[in-house]
Amino acid sequence: MSAFSRAATVLLLIAGAACAQDLRFAVLISANAEWRVVKPLYASAPIQTSPYGEYFFANVEHERVLFFHGGWGKVAAAGSTQYVIDRFRPARLINLGTCGGVEGRIERFDIVAVEKVVIYDIAEAMGDSKEAIAEYSTTLTLPTRLPVPVVKAAMYSADRDLTAAGLREMEAPYHPVVADWESGSIAWVAQKNHTPLLILRGVSDLVGPEKAEAQGNLQLFQDNTVRVMKDLVAALPKWLAVWR
């Protein structure tokens, strides 16, 4: 390695340490539609880029917080969560986002505080799928005091939207309340790194055994995402206060 390369490496390490110094909270945002709502809420924050997407630092009630766009789906969620942990070394992670809810068990725009995440789209042909699904299930510890009204529930996570047909398949083994794409990967990676994680997701649309209201209706999801994400960001200072 040349002297120039060594010097450049040292500078990068110093810069990374400076960025990560005393960072207590990193907020992970997954879907593009979710990030498009959050970003303008902190319009004065300088935007930076990573291999996964944009990020910025903002002050939330005198707390320096990293907001990081990690990308949608399990692959991006897992990779970006590990990237944030390695690069910024936050003491705690928070994932804010949307989810689908099962009609009759939860209401549209309810906020879910996730107690457990199950990655359910694992099909093991050579062994037992239940064992594989259990391996990729994660239990989370919520703050002792919940500062805003929430529904505590398990999140069922997969690289697929929840449809009416999908709900009928899941009903007997899981009796789900909410489902999303990224929570399972984020939770699993955070647990492997011994990094505390809080997942808060708002219900953007409802699914029943005969109909999923957002199926074929992207605009409904995008419109409802605006309300969900604004509600989550508005409540963020209260969550930081009880989770410090």
Protein backbone atom coordinates (compact mmCIF):
# COMPACT_ATOMS: atom_id res chain seq x y z
CA MET A 1 0.00 0.00 0.00
CA SER A 2 1.40 3.41 -0.95
CA ALA A 3 1.86 6.23 1.53
CA PHE A 4 -0.97 8.08 -0.22
CA SER A 5 -3.30 5.08 0.12
CA ARG A 6 -2.45 4.68 3.81
CA ALA A 7 -3.09 8.35 4.43
CA ALA A 8 -6.41 8.20 2.58
CA THR A 9 -7.47 5.17 4.61
CA VAL A 10 -6.61 6.91 7.88
CA LEU A 11 -8.60 9.98 6.84
CA LEU A 12 -11.61 7.83 5.99
CA LEU A 13 -11.43 6.09 9.37
CA ILE A 14 -11.17 9.42 11.17
CA ALA A 15 -14.12 10.81 9.19
CA GLY A 16 -16.17 7.72 9.99
CA ALA A 17 -15.37 8.01 13.69
CA ALA A 18 -16.38 11.65 13.66
CA CYS A 19 -19.69 10.85 11.97
CA ALA A 20 -20.43 8.08 14.46
CA GLN A 21 -19.32 9.88 17.61
CA ASP A 22 -21.97 9.76 20.31
CA LEU A 23 -24.74 8.84 17.86
CA ARG A 24 -27.50 7.46 20.02
CA PHE A 25 -30.26 7.03 17.41
CA ALA A 26 -30.41 6.06 13.75
CA VAL A 27 -33.79 6.05 12.00
CA LEU A 28 -34.12 3.60 9.12
CA ILE A 29 -36.65 4.34 6.37
CA SER A 30 -37.19 1.61 3.80
CA ALA A 31 -39.63 2.31 0.96
CA ASN A 32 -39.08 5.09 -1.58
CA ALA A 33 -42.59 6.44 -0.95
CA GLU A 34 -41.83 6.66 2.77
CA TRP A 35 -38.54 8.49 2.21
CA ARG A 36 -40.20 10.99 -0.13
CA VAL A 37 -42.41 12.06 2.79
CA VAL A 38 -39.71 12.22 5.47
CA LYS A 39 -37.01 14.04 3.51
CA PRO A 40 -38.90 17.37 3.05
CA LEU A 41 -39.75 17.44 6.77
CA TYR A 42 -36.06 18.21 7.37
CA ALA A 43 -35.49 20.35 4.29
CA SER A 44 -32.56 22.28 5.78
CA ALA A 45 -30.52 19.13 6.51
CA PRO A 46 -27.59 18.54 4.12
CA ILE A 47 -28.21 15.39 2.07
CA GLN A 48 -25.47 12.79 1.72
CA THR A 49 -25.43 9.51 -0.18
CA SER A 50 -24.51 5.92 0.58
CA PRO A 51 -24.46 2.75 -1.56
CA TYR A 52 -28.09 2.25 -0.51
CA GLY A 53 -29.62 5.71 -0.76
CA GLU A 54 -29.65 9.15 0.78
CA TYR A 55 -29.15 10.05 4.42
CA PHE A 56 -28.91 13.12 6.61
CA PHE A 57 -28.44 14.18 10.21
CA ALA A 58 -31.06 16.31 11.96
CA ASN A 59 -31.69 17.59 15.44
CA VAL A 60 -34.81 16.14 17.03
CA GLU A 61 -35.52 17.84 20.36
CA HIS A 62 -31.79 18.56 20.83
CA GLU A 63 -30.88 14.98 19.88
CA ARG A 64 -28.65 14.42 16.83
CA VAL A 65 -30.39 11.72 14.80
CA LEU A 66 -29.36 9.94 11.60
CA PHE A 67 -32.14 9.44 9.04
CA PHE A 68 -31.14 6.77 6.52
CA HIS A 69 -32.95 5.56 3.41
CA GLY A 70 -32.11 1.87 3.27
CA GLY A 71 -34.30 0.70 0.39
CA TRP A 72 -37.26 -1.64 0.01
CA GLY A 73 -37.29 -5.42 0.31
CA LYS A 74 -35.36 -7.90 2.41
CA VAL A 75 -32.04 -7.66 0.56
CA ALA A 76 -31.73 -3.88 0.77
CA ALA A 77 -33.08 -3.84 4.33
CA ALA A 78 -30.52 -6.35 5.59
CA GLY A 79 -27.58 -4.80 3.76
CA SER A 80 -28.38 -1.22 4.72
CA THR A 81 -28.98 -2.11 8.37
CA GLN A 82 -25.54 -3.71 8.59
CA TYR A 83 -24.04 -0.72 6.76
CA VAL A 84 -25.54 1.74 9.25
CA ILE A 85 -24.34 -0.30 12.23
CA ASP A 86 -20.79 -0.63 10.84
CA ARG A 87 -20.45 2.90 9.46
CA PHE A 88 -22.20 5.00 12.11
CA ARG A 89 -22.29 2.72 15.20
CA PRO A 90 -25.60 4.00 16.60
CA ALA A 91 -26.52 2.97 20.12
CA ARG A 92 -30.10 2.29 19.03
CA LEU A 93 -32.01 1.78 15.78
CA ILE A 94 -35.55 2.86 14.96
CA ASN A 95 -37.41 1.71 11.85
CA LEU A 96 -40.32 3.91 10.78
CA GLY A 97 -42.57 2.82 7.94
CA THR A 98 -45.86 1.50 6.65
CA CYS A 99 -47.53 -1.89 6.78
CA GLY A 100 -50.66 -3.65 5.64
CA GLY A 101 -53.30 -4.52 8.22
CA VAL A 102 -55.90 -7.26 8.39
CA GLU A 103 -59.41 -5.86 8.24
CA GLY A 104 -61.35 -6.36 11.49
CA ARG A 105 -58.19 -6.75 13.59
CA ILE A 106 -56.69 -3.29 13.22
CA GLU A 107 -57.71 0.07 11.78
CA ARG A 108 -56.24 2.06 8.93
CA PHE A 109 -53.62 4.55 10.26
CA ASP A 110 -53.16 2.70 13.56
CA ILE A 111 -49.53 2.73 14.72
CA VAL A 112 -47.99 -0.66 15.45
CA ALA A 113 -45.20 -1.17 17.98
CA VAL A 114 -43.68 -4.46 16.86
CA GLU A 115 -43.07 -7.11 19.52
CA LYS A 116 -41.96 -9.91 17.21
CA VAL A 117 -41.12 -10.28 13.53
CA VAL A 118 -41.62 -13.47 11.51
CA ILE A 119 -40.17 -13.87 8.01
CA TYR A 120 -42.83 -16.19 6.68
CA ASP A 121 -41.97 -16.58 2.97
CA ILE A 122 -39.44 -19.38 3.50
CA ALA A 123 -40.24 -22.68 1.77
CA GLU A 124 -37.89 -25.48 2.80
CA ALA A 125 -38.20 -28.45 0.41
CA MET A 126 -35.46 -30.61 1.95
CA GLY A 127 -36.38 -30.12 5.58
CA ASP A 128 -38.89 -28.43 7.86
CA SER A 129 -40.04 -24.94 6.84
CA LYS A 130 -41.20 -24.25 10.40
CA GLU A 131 -37.65 -24.66 11.69
CA ALA A 132 -36.31 -22.32 9.01
CA ILE A 133 -38.98 -19.71 9.74
CA ALA A 134 -38.24 -19.93 13.46
CA GLU A 135 -34.55 -19.33 12.72
CA TYR A 136 -35.43 -16.03 11.04
CA SER A 137 -37.93 -14.84 13.63
CA THR A 138 -36.92 -12.11 16.07
CA THR A 139 -38.42 -10.96 19.36
CA LEU A 140 -38.09 -7.27 20.24
CA THR A 141 -38.19 -5.51 23.60
CA LEU A 142 -40.38 -2.42 23.67
CA PRO A 143 -39.75 0.58 25.94
CA THR A 144 -41.32 0.18 29.36
CA ARG A 145 -43.50 3.22 28.78
CA LEU A 146 -45.27 3.75 25.46
CA PRO A 147 -45.64 7.52 24.92
CA VAL A 148 -48.43 7.44 22.32
CA PRO A 149 -51.33 5.04 21.65
CA VAL A 150 -50.13 2.01 19.70
CA VAL A 151 -51.15 -1.53 18.86
CA LYS A 152 -48.58 -4.07 20.08
CA ALA A 153 -48.42 -6.91 17.57
CA ALA A 154 -46.26 -9.40 15.70
CA MET A 155 -45.24 -8.31 12.21
CA TYR A 156 -45.23 -10.87 9.39
CA SER A 157 -42.54 -9.93 6.91
CA ALA A 158 -41.86 -11.14 3.36
CA ASP A 159 -40.81 -9.96 -0.07
CA ARG A 160 -44.43 -9.77 -1.11
CA ASP A 161 -47.49 -7.61 -0.58
CA LEU A 162 -50.25 -9.15 1.49
CA THR A 163 -53.17 -10.00 -0.79
CA ALA A 164 -56.53 -11.60 -0.07
CA ALA A 165 -55.25 -14.93 -1.39
CA GLY A 166 -52.09 -14.62 0.66
CA LEU A 167 -54.10 -13.85 3.79
CA ARG A 168 -56.21 -16.98 3.28
CA GLU A 169 -53.00 -19.04 3.13
CA MET A 170 -51.57 -17.43 6.27
CA GLU A 171 -54.73 -17.45 8.34
CA ALA A 172 -54.55 -20.91 9.88
CA PRO A 173 -50.87 -20.98 10.87
CA TYR A 174 -50.46 -17.33 11.87
CA HIS A 175 -53.74 -15.42 12.29
CA PRO A 176 -51.82 -12.24 11.34
CA VAL A 177 -52.68 -8.66 12.25
CA VAL A 178 -50.08 -6.78 10.17
CA ALA A 179 -47.55 -7.54 7.45
CA ASP A 180 -44.73 -5.73 5.66
CA TRP A 181 -41.57 -6.29 3.61
CA GLU A 182 -38.50 -5.16 5.57
CA SER A 183 -39.05 -5.54 9.33
CA GLY A 184 -37.88 -9.14 9.47
CA SER A 185 -34.49 -8.43 7.91
CA ILE A 186 -33.88 -5.27 9.92
CA ALA A 187 -34.73 -7.04 13.18
CA TRP A 188 -32.62 -10.11 12.44
CA VAL A 189 -29.52 -8.08 11.55
CA ALA A 190 -29.95 -5.76 14.53
CA GLN A 191 -30.21 -8.75 16.87
CA LYS A 192 -27.07 -10.34 15.40
CA ASN A 193 -25.22 -7.08 16.15
CA HIS A 194 -26.71 -6.74 19.66
CA THR A 195 -28.16 -3.36 18.68
CA PRO A 196 -31.49 -2.45 20.32
CA LEU A 197 -34.24 -1.85 17.77
CA LEU A 198 -37.65 -0.23 17.86
CA ILE A 199 -39.99 -0.82 14.90
CA LEU A 200 -42.94 1.55 14.53
CA ARG A 201 -45.15 1.13 11.48
CA GLY A 202 -48.46 2.69 10.52
CA VAL A 203 -51.21 0.81 8.71
CA SER A 204 -51.50 2.28 5.21
CA ASP A 205 -54.08 -0.16 3.82
CA LEU A 206 -56.33 -3.03 4.83
CA VAL A 207 -56.61 -6.59 3.54
CA GLY A 208 -59.53 -8.99 3.96
CA PRO A 209 -60.06 -12.59 2.84
CA GLU A 210 -61.83 -11.37 -0.30
CA LYS A 211 -60.14 -8.07 -1.13
CA ALA A 212 -56.95 -6.07 -0.59
CA GLU A 213 -57.81 -2.40 -0.99
CA ALA A 214 -54.37 -1.35 -2.27
CA GLN A 215 -54.00 -4.19 -4.76
CA GLY A 216 -53.77 -2.50 -8.16
CA ASN A 217 -54.17 0.87 -6.43
CA LEU A 218 -50.68 2.30 -5.90
CA GLN A 219 -52.08 5.80 -5.47
CA LEU A 220 -54.02 4.78 -2.37
CA PHE A 221 -50.83 3.44 -0.78
CA GLN A 222 -48.87 6.55 -1.69
CA ASP A 223 -51.56 8.91 -0.41
CA ASN A 224 -51.94 7.04 2.88
CA THR A 225 -48.17 6.82 3.29
CA VAL A 226 -48.05 10.61 3.56
CA ARG A 227 -50.27 10.59 6.63
CA VAL A 228 -48.57 7.57 8.20
CA MET A 229 -45.05 8.93 7.89
CA LYS A 230 -45.98 12.42 9.08
CA ASP A 231 -47.68 10.90 12.13
CA LEU A 232 -44.63 8.76 12.90
CA VAL A 233 -42.17 11.63 12.55
CA ALA A 234 -44.38 13.89 14.69
CA ALA A 235 -44.32 11.32 17.49
CA LEU A 236 -40.58 10.60 17.19
CA PRO A 237 -39.47 13.08 19.90
CA LYS A 238 -41.71 11.32 22.41
CA TRP A 239 -40.21 7.94 21.55
CA LEU A 240 -36.66 9.29 21.86
CA ALA A 241 -37.52 10.67 25.29
CA VAL A 242 -38.71 7.32 26.68
CA TRP A 243 -36.02 5.23 24.98
CA ARG A 244 -32.92 7.18 25.99
